[in-house]
Amino acid sequence: MRAKGKFIVFLRILLLIVACIAATIVLVFPLWKFSTAAPRIYTLTVLILCAVLVIFLIVRKILSKIRK
């Protein structure tokens, strides 16, 4: 592999690392801020979202059984 090819691979890896760090900041910081600013509302929100997900999965499973 030539030096140019190695440099391109290095830049791609570096870009992937930067993208992961940026995504972490964009996703984690607001959640952390929300959880520390209003812990009860955050807990209620997370519980409601988990319940909605469970209900969605159950309904999807039932609908797939009905279609068969």
C-alpha atoms as a PDB file:
ATOM      1  CA  MET A   1       0.000   0.000   0.000  1.00  0.00           C
ATOM      2  CA  ARG A   2       1.389   3.378  -0.921  1.00  0.00           C
ATOM      3  CA  ALA A   3       1.690   6.322   1.427  1.00  0.00           C
ATOM      4  CA  LYS A   4      -1.279   8.057  -0.215  1.00  0.00           C
ATOM      5  CA  GLY A   5      -3.499   5.021   0.366  1.00  0.00           C
ATOM      6  CA  LYS A   6      -2.429   4.748   4.004  1.00  0.00           C
ATOM      7  CA  PHE A   7      -3.133   8.443   4.496  1.00  0.00           C
ATOM      8  CA  ILE A   8      -6.651   8.050   3.023  1.00  0.00           C
ATOM      9  CA  VAL A   9      -7.334   5.107   5.369  1.00  0.00           C
ATOM     10  CA  PHE A  10      -6.050   7.180   8.296  1.00  0.00           C
ATOM     11  CA  LEU A  11      -8.330  10.081   7.352  1.00  0.00           C
ATOM     12  CA  ARG A  12     -11.339   7.765   7.095  1.00  0.00           C
ATOM     13  CA  ILE A  13     -10.669   6.313  10.538  1.00  0.00           C
ATOM     14  CA  LEU A  14     -10.169   9.797  11.950  1.00  0.00           C
ATOM     15  CA  LEU A  15     -13.431  10.965  10.347  1.00  0.00           C
ATOM     16  CA  LEU A  16     -15.263   7.961  11.826  1.00  0.00           C
ATOM     17  CA  ILE A  17     -13.917   8.769  15.286  1.00  0.00           C
ATOM     18  CA  VAL A  18     -14.938  12.425  14.949  1.00  0.00           C
ATOM     19  CA  ALA A  19     -18.419  11.399  13.744  1.00  0.00           C
ATOM     20  CA  CYS A  20     -18.839   9.065  16.733  1.00  0.00           C
ATOM     21  CA  ILE A  21     -17.787  11.784  19.163  1.00  0.00           C
ATOM     22  CA  ALA A  22     -20.142  14.301  17.530  1.00  0.00           C
ATOM     23  CA  ALA A  23     -23.058  11.850  17.627  1.00  0.00           C
ATOM     24  CA  THR A  24     -22.344  11.147  21.280  1.00  0.00           C
ATOM     25  CA  ILE A  25     -22.368  14.826  22.137  1.00  0.00           C
ATOM     26  CA  VAL A  26     -25.570  15.444  20.182  1.00  0.00           C
ATOM     27  CA  LEU A  27     -27.406  12.482  21.743  1.00  0.00           C
ATOM     28  CA  VAL A  28     -25.986  12.132  25.243  1.00  0.00           C
ATOM     29  CA  PHE A  29     -25.642  15.736  26.405  1.00  0.00           C
ATOM     30  CA  PRO A  30     -29.346  16.640  26.025  1.00  0.00           C
ATOM     31  CA  LEU A  31     -30.378  13.410  27.772  1.00  0.00           C
ATOM     32  CA  TRP A  32     -27.932  14.047  30.610  1.00  0.00           C
ATOM     33  CA  LYS A  33     -29.111  17.645  30.968  1.00  0.00           C
ATOM     34  CA  PHE A  34     -32.768  16.554  30.964  1.00  0.00           C
ATOM     35  CA  SER A  35     -32.125  13.830  33.542  1.00  0.00           C
ATOM     36  CA  THR A  36     -30.279  16.136  35.924  1.00  0.00           C
ATOM     37  CA  ALA A  37     -32.633  19.102  35.510  1.00  0.00           C
ATOM     38  CA  ALA A  38     -35.891  17.170  35.965  1.00  0.00           C
ATOM     39  CA  PRO A  39     -35.263  13.631  37.220  1.00  0.00           C
ATOM     40  CA  ARG A  40     -38.901  12.754  37.902  1.00  0.00           C
ATOM     41  CA  ILE A  41     -40.120  13.920  34.507  1.00  0.00           C
ATOM     42  CA  TYR A  42     -37.177  12.152  32.859  1.00  0.00           C
ATOM     43  CA  THR A  43     -38.008   8.906  34.658  1.00  0.00           C
ATOM     44  CA  LEU A  44     -41.666   9.185  33.693  1.00  0.00           C
ATOM     45  CA  THR A  45     -40.735   9.916  30.071  1.00  0.00           C
ATOM     46  CA  VAL A  46     -38.390   6.932  29.868  1.00  0.00           C
ATOM     47  CA  LEU A  47     -40.960   4.611  31.439  1.00  0.00           C
ATOM     48  CA  ILE A  48     -43.656   5.793  29.038  1.00  0.00           C
ATOM     49  CA  LEU A  49     -41.354   5.310  26.043  1.00  0.00           C
ATOM     50  CA  CYS A  50     -40.450   1.802  27.234  1.00  0.00           C
ATOM     51  CA  ALA A  51     -44.135   0.945  27.665  1.00  0.00           C
ATOM     52  CA  VAL A  52     -44.935   2.270  24.182  1.00  0.00           C
ATOM     53  CA  LEU A  53     -42.127   0.145  22.744  1.00  0.00           C
ATOM     54  CA  VAL A  54     -43.377  -2.993  24.496  1.00  0.00           C
ATOM     55  CA  ILE A  55     -46.938  -2.352  23.314  1.00  0.00           C
ATOM     56  CA  PHE A  56     -45.695  -1.762  19.770  1.00  0.00           C
ATOM     57  CA  LEU A  57     -43.747  -5.034  19.776  1.00  0.00           C
ATOM     58  CA  ILE A  58     -46.710  -6.975  21.133  1.00  0.00           C
ATOM     59  CA  VAL A  59     -49.102  -5.503  18.562  1.00  0.00           C
ATOM     60  CA  ARG A  60     -46.643  -6.181  15.736  1.00  0.00           C
ATOM     61  CA  LYS A  61     -46.265  -9.806  16.860  1.00  0.00           C
ATOM     62  CA  ILE A  62     -50.054 -10.246  17.067  1.00  0.00           C
ATOM     63  CA  LEU A  63     -50.562  -8.711  13.612  1.00  0.00           C
ATOM     64  CA  SER A  64     -47.894 -10.952  12.093  1.00  0.00           C
ATOM     65  CA  LYS A  65     -49.592 -14.034  13.615  1.00  0.00           C
ATOM     66  CA  ILE A  66     -52.987 -12.913  12.256  1.00  0.00           C
ATOM     67  CA  ARG A  67     -51.616 -12.434   8.714  1.00  0.00           C
ATOM     68  CA  LYS A  68     -50.222 -15.995   8.641  1.00  0.00           C
END
